[in-house]
Amino acid sequence: VIESVPMNYFIKWISNNMNS
């Protein structure tokens, strides 16, 4: 788990990529 970046941001990024 990368503590440098919040888990929410990571999930949001993946969600965005999957949607687009």
C-alpha atoms as a PDB file:
ATOM      1  CA  VAL A   1       0.000   0.000   0.000  1.00  0.00           C
ATOM      2  CA  ILE A   2       1.389   3.389  -0.982  1.00  0.00           C
ATOM      3  CA  GLU A   3       1.003   5.811   1.925  1.00  0.00           C
ATOM      4  CA  SER A   4       2.220   8.711  -0.208  1.00  0.00           C
ATOM      5  CA  VAL A   5      -1.071   8.794  -2.084  1.00  0.00           C
ATOM      6  CA  PRO A   6      -4.487   8.434  -0.401  1.00  0.00           C
ATOM      7  CA  MET A   7      -6.366   5.260  -1.279  1.00  0.00           C
ATOM      8  CA  ASN A   8      -9.390   7.358  -2.280  1.00  0.00           C
ATOM      9  CA  TYR A   9      -7.363   9.139  -4.943  1.00  0.00           C
ATOM     10  CA  PHE A  10      -6.107   5.828  -6.313  1.00  0.00           C
ATOM     11  CA  ILE A  11      -9.606   4.342  -6.519  1.00  0.00           C
ATOM     12  CA  LYS A  12     -10.954   7.532  -8.070  1.00  0.00           C
ATOM     13  CA  TRP A  13      -8.210   7.400 -10.707  1.00  0.00           C
ATOM     14  CA  ILE A  14      -8.999   3.774 -11.581  1.00  0.00           C
ATOM     15  CA  SER A  15     -12.728   4.514 -11.650  1.00  0.00           C
ATOM     16  CA  ASN A  16     -12.111   7.383 -14.027  1.00  0.00           C
ATOM     17  CA  ASN A  17      -9.979   5.212 -16.310  1.00  0.00           C
ATOM     18  CA  MET A  18     -12.557   2.441 -16.383  1.00  0.00           C
ATOM     19  CA  ASN A  19     -15.392   4.874 -17.132  1.00  0.00           C
ATOM     20  CA  SER A  20     -13.511   6.550 -19.970  1.00  0.00           C
END
